Amino acid sequence: MGFGGISLWQLLIVLAIIVLLFGTKKLRGIGGDLGGAVKGFKKAMSDEQNTDKEKPEQIQKSEESAPLDSADTEKNKDNNKV
């Protein structure tokens, strides 16, 4: 018994039929494409984690560089009402 009631011989027969239908060249190309997709996905995930680490630092810098003046905001609120 193998995977879920499928024996090793049944798996080998299915694999042989797939190779006969598609050929080794197409299967090799599909494998290369799949490997490239996985590699690209991993790279995107690591880039996402790096940008997540940078975001808190950028927020702190922007808050320090441009503090809001409460008097200016009160004037703008009064002007918007008119």
Protein backbone atom coordinates (compact mmCIF):
# COMPACT_ATOMS: atom_id res chain seq x y z
CA MET A 1 0.00 0.00 0.00
CA GLY A 2 1.21 3.45 -0.85
CA PHE A 3 -0.41 6.84 -0.79
CA GLY A 4 -4.13 6.57 0.01
CA GLY A 5 -4.51 3.04 -1.31
CA ILE A 6 -2.41 3.61 -4.46
CA SER A 7 0.47 1.17 -4.81
CA LEU A 8 3.94 1.96 -6.07
CA TRP A 9 3.27 0.08 -9.32
CA GLN A 10 0.19 2.15 -10.05
CA LEU A 11 2.17 5.35 -9.51
CA LEU A 12 4.90 4.14 -11.87
CA ILE A 13 2.36 3.27 -14.57
CA VAL A 14 0.72 6.71 -14.28
CA LEU A 15 4.16 8.36 -14.45
CA ALA A 16 5.06 6.35 -17.57
CA ILE A 17 1.79 7.38 -19.27
CA ILE A 18 2.45 11.05 -18.44
CA VAL A 19 5.97 10.82 -19.91
CA LEU A 20 4.61 9.18 -23.07
CA LEU A 21 1.89 11.82 -23.49
CA PHE A 22 3.93 14.95 -22.84
CA GLY A 23 7.48 13.88 -23.55
CA THR A 24 10.53 14.58 -21.44
CA LYS A 25 11.28 17.92 -23.10
CA LYS A 26 7.91 19.44 -22.16
CA LEU A 27 8.08 18.00 -18.65
CA ARG A 28 11.56 19.48 -18.20
CA GLY A 29 10.27 22.86 -19.38
CA ILE A 30 7.31 22.69 -17.01
CA GLY A 31 9.66 21.81 -14.14
CA GLY A 32 11.92 24.74 -14.96
CA ASP A 33 8.98 27.13 -15.14
CA LEU A 34 7.64 25.86 -11.84
CA GLY A 35 11.06 26.22 -10.20
CA GLY A 36 11.37 29.78 -11.50
CA ALA A 37 7.93 30.63 -10.16
CA VAL A 38 8.81 29.29 -6.71
CA LYS A 39 12.10 31.21 -6.74
CA GLY A 40 10.31 34.42 -7.73
CA PHE A 41 7.70 33.90 -5.01
CA LYS A 42 10.39 33.43 -2.36
CA LYS A 43 12.20 36.57 -3.55
CA ALA A 44 8.99 38.60 -3.43
CA MET A 45 8.25 37.37 0.09
CA SER A 46 11.73 38.31 1.33
CA ASP A 47 11.43 41.74 -0.32
CA GLU A 48 8.05 42.21 1.40
CA GLN A 49 9.59 41.40 4.78
CA ASN A 50 12.42 43.88 4.16
CA THR A 51 9.98 46.69 3.30
CA ASP A 52 7.91 45.89 6.40
CA LYS A 53 11.01 46.41 8.52
CA GLU A 54 11.73 49.77 6.84
CA LYS A 55 8.22 51.22 7.18
CA PRO A 56 8.31 52.01 10.94
CA GLU A 57 11.60 53.85 10.49
CA GLN A 58 10.18 55.93 7.63
CA ILE A 59 7.08 56.83 9.64
CA GLN A 60 9.17 58.02 12.58
CA LYS A 61 11.35 60.16 10.29
CA SER A 62 8.35 61.80 8.63
CA GLU A 63 6.75 62.61 12.00
CA GLU A 64 9.96 64.22 13.23
CA SER A 65 10.57 66.24 10.07
CA ALA A 66 7.09 67.78 9.74
CA PRO A 67 5.43 68.46 13.10
CA LEU A 68 1.93 69.89 12.88
CA ASP A 69 1.21 73.30 14.36
CA SER A 70 -2.12 73.24 16.16
CA ALA A 71 -2.72 76.96 15.51
CA ASP A 72 -2.43 76.43 11.74
CA THR A 73 -4.88 73.56 11.80
CA GLU A 74 -7.42 75.64 13.78
CA LYS A 75 -7.17 78.46 11.22
CA ASN A 76 -7.71 76.02 8.36
CA LYS A 77 -10.78 74.60 10.08
CA ASP A 78 -12.24 78.11 10.52
CA ASN A 79 -11.52 79.01 6.87
CA ASN A 80 -13.18 75.82 5.64
CA LYS A 81 -16.37 76.66 7.54
CA VAL A 82 -16.80 80.01 5.74
